[in-house]
Amino acid sequence: MTATSPPVGRPYVLWVSLLLNALLVSALGTVLLRSVPSSPPGHDSSLRLPDPHRMERLLPPERRQLVRATFQRHRESIHPHVHDLRRARRAVAGAMRTEPLEIDTLREAFATQREAEAATAREIHAMLIDLVQQLTPEERRALNKLMREGRRDRDGRRSRE
């Protein structure tokens, strides 16, 4: 048997192939990273805390303390409800994973979650009412616009309402 020598070709073809593979891998990585949800898996983002940093940017620097002070005043009343809501959501997820499915347990878990969502929303709304009472009409309009722009429909598109 005779030894064959490697084909005498053009070495740049190998480099071009490697470059194209690297570009393909980076393009796939970009697509995958952009499709990662901003919330943890299984997290229902239908109820979330307002972002105080975005709210502060609406105000002139000398008035930004209003947002911080209002959030701080309501922190102790909101956080227990947020923790209850997280526990309720975990209970729903656990009930859905249980085999065999226990439908009554799932119904109860959903009922508890609804109660926790309502209680959390009440506290968040009380904080927002406290805040908007302190804002000028222009600042309230800006906050309203921010809240509308921050809301997304179920399919991920920004709401127009």
N, C-alpha and C. Protein backbone atom coordinates (compact mmCIF):
# COMPACT_ATOMS: atom_id res chain seq x y z
N MET A 1 0.85 -1.17 0.00
CA MET A 1 0.00 0.00 0.00
C MET A 1 0.89 1.22 0.00
N THR A 2 0.55 2.17 -0.78
CA THR A 2 1.36 3.38 -0.87
C THR A 2 0.73 4.48 -0.04
N ALA A 3 1.57 5.27 0.51
CA ALA A 3 1.09 6.40 1.31
C ALA A 3 0.66 7.50 0.36
N THR A 4 -0.48 8.09 0.70
CA THR A 4 -0.94 9.20 -0.14
C THR A 4 -0.57 10.51 0.54
N SER A 5 -0.21 11.41 -0.24
CA SER A 5 0.14 12.72 0.32
C SER A 5 -1.12 13.57 0.41
N PRO A 6 -1.15 14.50 1.35
CA PRO A 6 -2.33 15.36 1.48
C PRO A 6 -2.53 16.14 0.21
N PRO A 7 -3.78 16.43 -0.11
CA PRO A 7 -4.02 17.15 -1.34
C PRO A 7 -3.35 18.52 -1.29
N VAL A 8 -2.73 18.84 -2.37
CA VAL A 8 -2.12 20.16 -2.47
C VAL A 8 -3.22 21.08 -2.96
N GLY A 9 -3.79 21.77 -2.06
CA GLY A 9 -4.91 22.63 -2.41
C GLY A 9 -4.60 24.04 -1.97
N ARG A 10 -5.63 24.70 -1.81
CA ARG A 10 -5.49 26.09 -1.40
C ARG A 10 -5.80 26.17 0.10
N PRO A 11 -4.82 26.51 0.93
CA PRO A 11 -5.04 26.53 2.38
C PRO A 11 -6.05 27.60 2.80
N TYR A 12 -6.26 28.58 1.98
CA TYR A 12 -7.20 29.65 2.36
C TYR A 12 -8.64 29.13 2.38
N VAL A 13 -8.94 28.04 1.69
CA VAL A 13 -10.29 27.48 1.72
C VAL A 13 -10.61 27.00 3.14
N LEU A 14 -9.64 26.40 3.81
CA LEU A 14 -9.82 25.97 5.19
C LEU A 14 -10.08 27.17 6.09
N TRP A 15 -9.32 28.24 5.91
CA TRP A 15 -9.51 29.44 6.73
C TRP A 15 -10.88 30.08 6.48
N VAL A 16 -11.31 30.10 5.26
CA VAL A 16 -12.62 30.65 4.95
C VAL A 16 -13.71 29.80 5.60
N SER A 17 -13.54 28.51 5.55
CA SER A 17 -14.51 27.61 6.16
C SER A 17 -14.56 27.83 7.68
N LEU A 18 -13.41 27.95 8.31
CA LEU A 18 -13.37 28.21 9.75
C LEU A 18 -14.02 29.55 10.08
N LEU A 19 -13.75 30.56 9.28
CA LEU A 19 -14.34 31.88 9.51
C LEU A 19 -15.86 31.83 9.38
N LEU A 20 -16.36 31.15 8.35
CA LEU A 20 -17.81 31.02 8.18
C LEU A 20 -18.45 30.27 9.34
N ASN A 21 -17.78 29.21 9.82
CA ASN A 21 -18.30 28.48 10.98
C ASN A 21 -18.35 29.37 12.21
N ALA A 22 -17.32 30.18 12.42
CA ALA A 22 -17.30 31.09 13.57
C ALA A 22 -18.42 32.12 13.46
N LEU A 23 -18.66 32.64 12.28
CA LEU A 23 -19.75 33.60 12.09
C LEU A 23 -21.11 32.95 12.35
N LEU A 24 -21.27 31.73 11.89
CA LEU A 24 -22.52 31.01 12.11
C LEU A 24 -22.76 30.78 13.60
N VAL A 25 -21.74 30.36 14.31
CA VAL A 25 -21.87 30.12 15.75
C VAL A 25 -22.21 31.42 16.47
N SER A 26 -21.55 32.52 16.11
CA SER A 26 -21.85 33.79 16.79
C SER A 26 -23.26 34.28 16.44
N ALA A 27 -23.71 34.07 15.22
CA ALA A 27 -25.08 34.47 14.85
C ALA A 27 -26.10 33.65 15.63
N LEU A 28 -25.89 32.36 15.74
CA LEU A 28 -26.80 31.51 16.52
C LEU A 28 -26.80 31.91 17.99
N GLY A 29 -25.62 32.21 18.53
CA GLY A 29 -25.54 32.65 19.92
C GLY A 29 -26.30 33.94 20.15
N THR A 30 -26.20 34.88 19.21
CA THR A 30 -26.92 36.14 19.33
C THR A 30 -28.43 35.91 19.31
N VAL A 31 -28.89 35.08 18.41
CA VAL A 31 -30.32 34.78 18.32
C VAL A 31 -30.81 34.13 19.62
N LEU A 32 -30.05 33.18 20.13
CA LEU A 32 -30.44 32.50 21.36
C LEU A 32 -30.44 33.44 22.55
N LEU A 33 -29.44 34.31 22.65
CA LEU A 33 -29.39 35.24 23.78
C LEU A 33 -30.52 36.26 23.73
N ARG A 34 -30.89 36.70 22.55
CA ARG A 34 -31.98 37.66 22.44
C ARG A 34 -33.33 37.05 22.75
N SER A 35 -33.45 35.74 22.59
CA SER A 35 -34.74 35.10 22.84
C SER A 35 -34.90 34.66 24.29
N VAL A 36 -33.87 34.89 25.13
CA VAL A 36 -33.97 34.51 26.54
C VAL A 36 -34.96 35.46 27.21
N PRO A 37 -35.94 34.94 27.92
CA PRO A 37 -36.91 35.81 28.56
C PRO A 37 -36.27 36.63 29.67
N SER A 38 -36.79 37.85 29.89
CA SER A 38 -36.24 38.71 30.93
C SER A 38 -36.63 38.22 32.31
N SER A 39 -37.70 37.50 32.42
CA SER A 39 -38.14 36.97 33.71
C SER A 39 -37.71 35.53 33.82
N PRO A 40 -37.53 35.06 35.05
CA PRO A 40 -37.18 33.65 35.21
C PRO A 40 -38.26 32.76 34.64
N PRO A 41 -37.90 31.57 34.16
CA PRO A 41 -38.91 30.66 33.62
C PRO A 41 -39.99 30.38 34.65
N GLY A 42 -41.22 30.34 34.21
CA GLY A 42 -42.32 30.06 35.10
C GLY A 42 -42.79 31.27 35.88
N HIS A 43 -42.16 32.41 35.65
CA HIS A 43 -42.52 33.62 36.38
C HIS A 43 -43.59 34.37 35.61
N ASP A 44 -44.70 34.60 36.25
CA ASP A 44 -45.78 35.36 35.62
C ASP A 44 -45.51 36.83 35.85
N SER A 45 -45.24 37.54 34.78
CA SER A 45 -44.89 38.94 34.92
C SER A 45 -46.11 39.85 34.82
N SER A 46 -47.32 39.29 34.97
CA SER A 46 -48.51 40.12 34.87
C SER A 46 -48.60 41.10 36.03
N LEU A 47 -47.93 40.84 37.11
CA LEU A 47 -47.91 41.75 38.24
C LEU A 47 -46.47 41.90 38.68
N ARG A 48 -45.93 43.08 38.50
CA ARG A 48 -44.56 43.32 38.94
C ARG A 48 -44.47 44.70 39.55
N LEU A 49 -43.47 44.89 40.35
CA LEU A 49 -43.29 46.17 41.00
C LEU A 49 -42.88 47.22 39.98
N PRO A 50 -43.36 48.45 40.15
CA PRO A 50 -42.91 49.53 39.27
C PRO A 50 -41.40 49.76 39.48
N ASP A 51 -40.74 50.22 38.45
CA ASP A 51 -39.30 50.46 38.51
C ASP A 51 -39.04 51.88 39.02
N PRO A 52 -38.55 52.04 40.25
CA PRO A 52 -38.35 53.38 40.78
C PRO A 52 -37.29 54.17 40.02
N HIS A 53 -36.31 53.49 39.45
CA HIS A 53 -35.26 54.20 38.72
C HIS A 53 -35.81 54.87 37.46
N ARG A 54 -36.68 54.17 36.77
CA ARG A 54 -37.30 54.78 35.58
C ARG A 54 -38.20 55.93 35.99
N MET A 55 -38.90 55.78 37.11
CA MET A 55 -39.77 56.85 37.59
C MET A 55 -38.95 58.07 38.00
N GLU A 56 -37.83 57.83 38.65
CA GLU A 56 -36.98 58.95 39.08
C GLU A 56 -36.48 59.77 37.89
N ARG A 57 -36.16 59.09 36.79
CA ARG A 57 -35.63 59.79 35.62
C ARG A 57 -36.65 60.74 35.01
N LEU A 58 -37.92 60.56 35.34
CA LEU A 58 -38.96 61.46 34.83
C LEU A 58 -38.90 62.82 35.52
N LEU A 59 -38.34 62.85 36.69
CA LEU A 59 -38.36 64.04 37.52
C LEU A 59 -37.04 64.80 37.44
N PRO A 60 -37.08 66.09 37.69
CA PRO A 60 -35.82 66.84 37.78
C PRO A 60 -35.01 66.31 38.97
N PRO A 61 -33.71 66.42 38.92
CA PRO A 61 -32.87 65.85 39.98
C PRO A 61 -33.28 66.26 41.39
N GLU A 62 -33.72 67.48 41.56
CA GLU A 62 -34.08 67.94 42.90
C GLU A 62 -35.38 67.33 43.42
N ARG A 63 -36.18 66.70 42.55
CA ARG A 63 -37.45 66.09 42.97
C ARG A 63 -37.41 64.56 42.99
N ARG A 64 -36.30 63.97 42.61
CA ARG A 64 -36.20 62.51 42.53
C ARG A 64 -36.34 61.84 43.89
N GLN A 65 -36.03 62.57 44.94
CA GLN A 65 -36.15 62.01 46.28
C GLN A 65 -37.60 61.64 46.60
N LEU A 66 -38.56 62.29 45.94
CA LEU A 66 -39.97 61.96 46.15
C LEU A 66 -40.23 60.48 45.87
N VAL A 67 -39.68 59.99 44.77
CA VAL A 67 -39.89 58.59 44.41
C VAL A 67 -39.24 57.68 45.44
N ARG A 68 -37.99 57.98 45.77
CA ARG A 68 -37.28 57.15 46.74
C ARG A 68 -37.98 57.12 48.09
N ALA A 69 -38.40 58.28 48.55
CA ALA A 69 -39.06 58.36 49.85
C ALA A 69 -40.40 57.61 49.85
N THR A 70 -41.15 57.75 48.75
CA THR A 70 -42.44 57.07 48.67
C THR A 70 -42.26 55.56 48.63
N PHE A 71 -41.32 55.08 47.83
CA PHE A 71 -41.07 53.64 47.79
C PHE A 71 -40.61 53.15 49.16
N GLN A 72 -39.77 53.91 49.84
CA GLN A 72 -39.28 53.50 51.14
C GLN A 72 -40.41 53.45 52.17
N ARG A 73 -41.32 54.42 52.13
CA ARG A 73 -42.45 54.43 53.06
C ARG A 73 -43.33 53.19 52.92
N HIS A 74 -43.46 52.69 51.71
CA HIS A 74 -44.36 51.57 51.44
C HIS A 74 -43.65 50.21 51.39
N ARG A 75 -42.34 50.24 51.49
CA ARG A 75 -41.55 49.01 51.37
C ARG A 75 -42.01 47.92 52.35
N GLU A 76 -42.15 48.28 53.59
CA GLU A 76 -42.50 47.27 54.60
C GLU A 76 -43.89 46.69 54.40
N SER A 77 -44.79 47.46 53.82
CA SER A 77 -46.14 46.93 53.59
C SER A 77 -46.22 46.12 52.30
N ILE A 78 -45.34 46.37 51.34
CA ILE A 78 -45.39 45.68 50.06
C ILE A 78 -44.65 44.34 50.11
N HIS A 79 -43.46 44.33 50.70
CA HIS A 79 -42.61 43.14 50.61
C HIS A 79 -43.22 41.85 51.14
N PRO A 80 -43.93 41.85 52.24
CA PRO A 80 -44.54 40.57 52.66
C PRO A 80 -45.51 40.03 51.61
N HIS A 81 -46.22 40.92 50.94
CA HIS A 81 -47.16 40.48 49.91
C HIS A 81 -46.42 39.92 48.69
N VAL A 82 -45.31 40.56 48.33
CA VAL A 82 -44.51 40.06 47.21
C VAL A 82 -43.99 38.66 47.53
N HIS A 83 -43.53 38.45 48.75
CA HIS A 83 -43.04 37.12 49.14
C HIS A 83 -44.18 36.09 49.13
N ASP A 84 -45.36 36.51 49.61
CA ASP A 84 -46.52 35.60 49.57
C ASP A 84 -46.87 35.24 48.13
N LEU A 85 -46.80 36.22 47.24
CA LEU A 85 -47.11 35.98 45.83
C LEU A 85 -46.11 35.00 45.22
N ARG A 86 -44.84 35.17 45.52
CA ARG A 86 -43.84 34.24 44.99
C ARG A 86 -44.09 32.82 45.49
N ARG A 87 -44.42 32.69 46.78
CA ARG A 87 -44.72 31.37 47.33
C ARG A 87 -45.95 30.77 46.64
N ALA A 88 -46.96 31.60 46.41
CA ALA A 88 -48.18 31.11 45.76
C ALA A 88 -47.89 30.65 44.34
N ARG A 89 -47.06 31.38 43.62
CA ARG A 89 -46.71 30.99 42.25
C ARG A 89 -45.92 29.69 42.24
N ARG A 90 -45.02 29.53 43.22
CA ARG A 90 -44.28 28.26 43.31
C ARG A 90 -45.22 27.11 43.62
N ALA A 91 -46.23 27.37 44.46
CA ALA A 91 -47.19 26.32 44.79
C ALA A 91 -48.00 25.90 43.56
N VAL A 92 -48.37 26.87 42.73
CA VAL A 92 -49.08 26.54 41.48
C VAL A 92 -48.19 25.69 40.59
N ALA A 93 -46.94 26.11 40.45
CA ALA A 93 -46.02 25.35 39.60
C ALA A 93 -45.84 23.93 40.14
N GLY A 94 -45.71 23.80 41.46
CA GLY A 94 -45.57 22.47 42.05
C GLY A 94 -46.80 21.62 41.84
N ALA A 95 -47.98 22.22 42.01
CA ALA A 95 -49.22 21.47 41.81
C ALA A 95 -49.37 21.01 40.36
N MET A 96 -48.88 21.82 39.43
CA MET A 96 -48.99 21.43 38.02
C MET A 96 -48.02 20.31 37.66
N ARG A 97 -46.91 20.22 38.39
CA ARG A 97 -45.92 19.17 38.10
C ARG A 97 -46.25 17.86 38.79
N THR A 98 -47.13 17.89 39.76
CA THR A 98 -47.44 16.69 40.54
C THR A 98 -48.08 15.62 39.67
N GLU A 99 -47.59 14.40 39.82
CA GLU A 99 -48.19 13.25 39.13
C GLU A 99 -48.65 12.26 40.17
N PRO A 100 -49.81 11.78 40.12
CA PRO A 100 -50.87 12.20 39.21
C PRO A 100 -51.38 13.59 39.60
N LEU A 101 -51.90 14.27 38.63
CA LEU A 101 -52.41 15.63 38.84
C LEU A 101 -53.56 15.60 39.83
N GLU A 102 -53.46 16.45 40.85
CA GLU A 102 -54.53 16.58 41.84
C GLU A 102 -55.23 17.91 41.56
N ILE A 103 -56.32 17.85 40.85
CA ILE A 103 -56.99 19.05 40.35
C ILE A 103 -57.48 19.96 41.47
N ASP A 104 -57.94 19.39 42.58
CA ASP A 104 -58.39 20.22 43.70
C ASP A 104 -57.23 21.01 44.31
N THR A 105 -56.08 20.37 44.41
CA THR A 105 -54.89 21.05 44.92
C THR A 105 -54.50 22.19 43.99
N LEU A 106 -54.58 21.95 42.69
CA LEU A 106 -54.25 22.98 41.71
C LEU A 106 -55.25 24.14 41.81
N ARG A 107 -56.54 23.83 41.93
CA ARG A 107 -57.56 24.89 42.07
C ARG A 107 -57.27 25.75 43.30
N GLU A 108 -56.95 25.09 44.40
CA GLU A 108 -56.66 25.81 45.63
C GLU A 108 -55.40 26.68 45.48
N ALA A 109 -54.39 26.15 44.81
CA ALA A 109 -53.16 26.91 44.59
C ALA A 109 -53.43 28.15 43.74
N PHE A 110 -54.25 27.99 42.69
CA PHE A 110 -54.60 29.14 41.87
C PHE A 110 -55.40 30.17 42.66
N ALA A 111 -56.32 29.71 43.51
CA ALA A 111 -57.10 30.64 44.34
C ALA A 111 -56.18 31.42 45.28
N THR A 112 -55.22 30.74 45.87
CA THR A 112 -54.26 31.41 46.76
C THR A 112 -53.43 32.42 45.97
N GLN A 113 -53.05 32.05 44.75
CA GLN A 113 -52.27 32.97 43.92
C GLN A 113 -53.09 34.22 43.59
N ARG A 114 -54.37 34.04 43.24
CA ARG A 114 -55.22 35.19 42.94
C ARG A 114 -55.33 36.13 44.14
N GLU A 115 -55.50 35.55 45.32
CA GLU A 115 -55.58 36.37 46.54
C GLU A 115 -54.27 37.12 46.78
N ALA A 116 -53.15 36.45 46.57
CA ALA A 116 -51.84 37.09 46.76
C ALA A 116 -51.61 38.19 45.73
N GLU A 117 -52.03 37.95 44.47
CA GLU A 117 -51.90 38.99 43.44
C GLU A 117 -52.74 40.21 43.79
N ALA A 118 -53.96 39.99 44.27
CA ALA A 118 -54.84 41.10 44.63
C ALA A 118 -54.26 41.90 45.80
N ALA A 119 -53.75 41.20 46.81
CA ALA A 119 -53.18 41.89 47.96
C ALA A 119 -51.94 42.69 47.58
N THR A 120 -51.10 42.10 46.72
CA THR A 120 -49.90 42.80 46.27
C THR A 120 -50.29 44.02 45.44
N ALA A 121 -51.25 43.85 44.55
CA ALA A 121 -51.70 44.98 43.72
C ALA A 121 -52.26 46.11 44.58
N ARG A 122 -53.03 45.77 45.63
CA ARG A 122 -53.57 46.81 46.52
C ARG A 122 -52.45 47.64 47.13
N GLU A 123 -51.39 46.99 47.58
CA GLU A 123 -50.28 47.70 48.21
C GLU A 123 -49.51 48.56 47.19
N ILE A 124 -49.31 48.00 46.00
CA ILE A 124 -48.61 48.77 44.95
C ILE A 124 -49.45 49.98 44.56
N HIS A 125 -50.75 49.79 44.43
CA HIS A 125 -51.63 50.89 44.05
C HIS A 125 -51.65 51.97 45.14
N ALA A 126 -51.63 51.57 46.40
CA ALA A 126 -51.57 52.55 47.49
C ALA A 126 -50.30 53.38 47.40
N MET A 127 -49.19 52.72 47.07
CA MET A 127 -47.93 53.45 46.92
C MET A 127 -48.00 54.42 45.75
N LEU A 128 -48.56 53.97 44.63
CA LEU A 128 -48.65 54.84 43.46
C LEU A 128 -49.57 56.03 43.73
N ILE A 129 -50.66 55.80 44.45
CA ILE A 129 -51.56 56.91 44.81
C ILE A 129 -50.81 57.92 45.67
N ASP A 130 -50.03 57.41 46.62
CA ASP A 130 -49.23 58.28 47.47
C ASP A 130 -48.26 59.11 46.61
N LEU A 131 -47.63 58.46 45.66
CA LEU A 131 -46.65 59.15 44.81
C LEU A 131 -47.31 60.20 43.92
N VAL A 132 -48.36 59.84 43.21
CA VAL A 132 -48.93 60.78 42.24
C VAL A 132 -49.54 62.01 42.90
N GLN A 133 -49.94 61.90 44.16
CA GLN A 133 -50.44 63.06 44.89
C GLN A 133 -49.37 64.14 45.03
N GLN A 134 -48.11 63.73 44.97
CA GLN A 134 -47.00 64.64 45.17
C GLN A 134 -46.45 65.21 43.86
N LEU A 135 -46.95 64.72 42.74
CA LEU A 135 -46.42 65.12 41.44
C LEU A 135 -47.21 66.27 40.84
N THR A 136 -46.53 67.00 39.97
CA THR A 136 -47.20 68.05 39.20
C THR A 136 -48.01 67.40 38.09
N PRO A 137 -48.95 68.13 37.48
CA PRO A 137 -49.70 67.54 36.36
C PRO A 137 -48.79 67.05 35.24
N GLU A 138 -47.72 67.77 34.93
CA GLU A 138 -46.80 67.34 33.87
C GLU A 138 -46.09 66.05 34.25
N GLU A 139 -45.69 65.95 35.52
CA GLU A 139 -45.02 64.74 35.99
C GLU A 139 -45.97 63.55 35.99
N ARG A 140 -47.23 63.80 36.35
CA ARG A 140 -48.22 62.71 36.33
C ARG A 140 -48.43 62.21 34.90
N ARG A 141 -48.49 63.14 33.94
CA ARG A 141 -48.64 62.73 32.54
C ARG A 141 -47.44 61.89 32.09
N ALA A 142 -46.25 62.32 32.48
CA ALA A 142 -45.04 61.56 32.12
C ALA A 142 -45.05 60.18 32.76
N LEU A 143 -45.49 60.10 34.02
CA LEU A 143 -45.58 58.80 34.69
C LEU A 143 -46.62 57.91 34.02
N ASN A 144 -47.74 58.49 33.67
CA ASN A 144 -48.78 57.74 32.97
C ASN A 144 -48.25 57.18 31.65
N LYS A 145 -47.53 58.00 30.91
CA LYS A 145 -46.95 57.54 29.64
C LYS A 145 -45.94 56.41 29.89
N LEU A 146 -45.11 56.56 30.90
CA LEU A 146 -44.14 55.52 31.23
C LEU A 146 -44.83 54.21 31.58
N MET A 147 -45.90 54.28 32.36
CA MET A 147 -46.62 53.07 32.75
C MET A 147 -47.29 52.42 31.55
N ARG A 148 -47.82 53.21 30.64
CA ARG A 148 -48.43 52.65 29.43
C ARG A 148 -47.39 52.00 28.54
N GLU A 149 -46.24 52.67 28.36
CA GLU A 149 -45.19 52.13 27.50
C GLU A 149 -44.56 50.88 28.09
N GLY A 150 -44.56 50.77 29.40
CA GLY A 150 -43.95 49.63 30.05
C GLY A 150 -44.82 48.39 30.04
N ARG A 151 -46.10 48.57 29.73
CA ARG A 151 -47.04 47.45 29.73
C ARG A 151 -46.93 46.70 28.41
N ARG A 152 -46.98 45.39 28.48
CA ARG A 152 -46.92 44.58 27.26
C ARG A 152 -48.15 43.70 27.20
N ASP A 153 -48.60 43.46 25.97
CA ASP A 153 -49.70 42.53 25.77
C ASP A 153 -49.19 41.11 25.98
N ARG A 154 -50.11 40.15 26.00
CA ARG A 154 -49.73 38.75 26.21
C ARG A 154 -48.75 38.24 25.17
N ASP A 155 -48.84 38.77 23.95
CA ASP A 155 -47.93 38.28 22.90
C ASP A 155 -46.60 39.04 22.89
N GLY A 156 -46.38 39.91 23.87
CA GLY A 156 -45.09 40.58 23.98
C GLY A 156 -45.04 41.94 23.34
N ARG A 157 -46.06 42.32 22.59
CA ARG A 157 -46.05 43.64 21.97
C ARG A 157 -46.46 44.70 22.98
N ARG A 158 -45.98 45.90 22.77
CA ARG A 158 -46.36 47.00 23.66
C ARG A 158 -47.83 47.32 23.46
N SER A 159 -48.51 47.56 24.58
CA SER A 159 -49.92 47.90 24.54
C SER A 159 -50.10 49.33 24.06
N ARG A 160 -51.17 49.58 23.34
CA ARG A 160 -51.45 50.94 22.88
C ARG A 160 -52.50 51.62 23.75
N GLU A 161 -52.98 50.91 24.74
CA GLU A 161 -54.03 51.47 25.61
C GLU A 161 -53.43 52.16 26.79
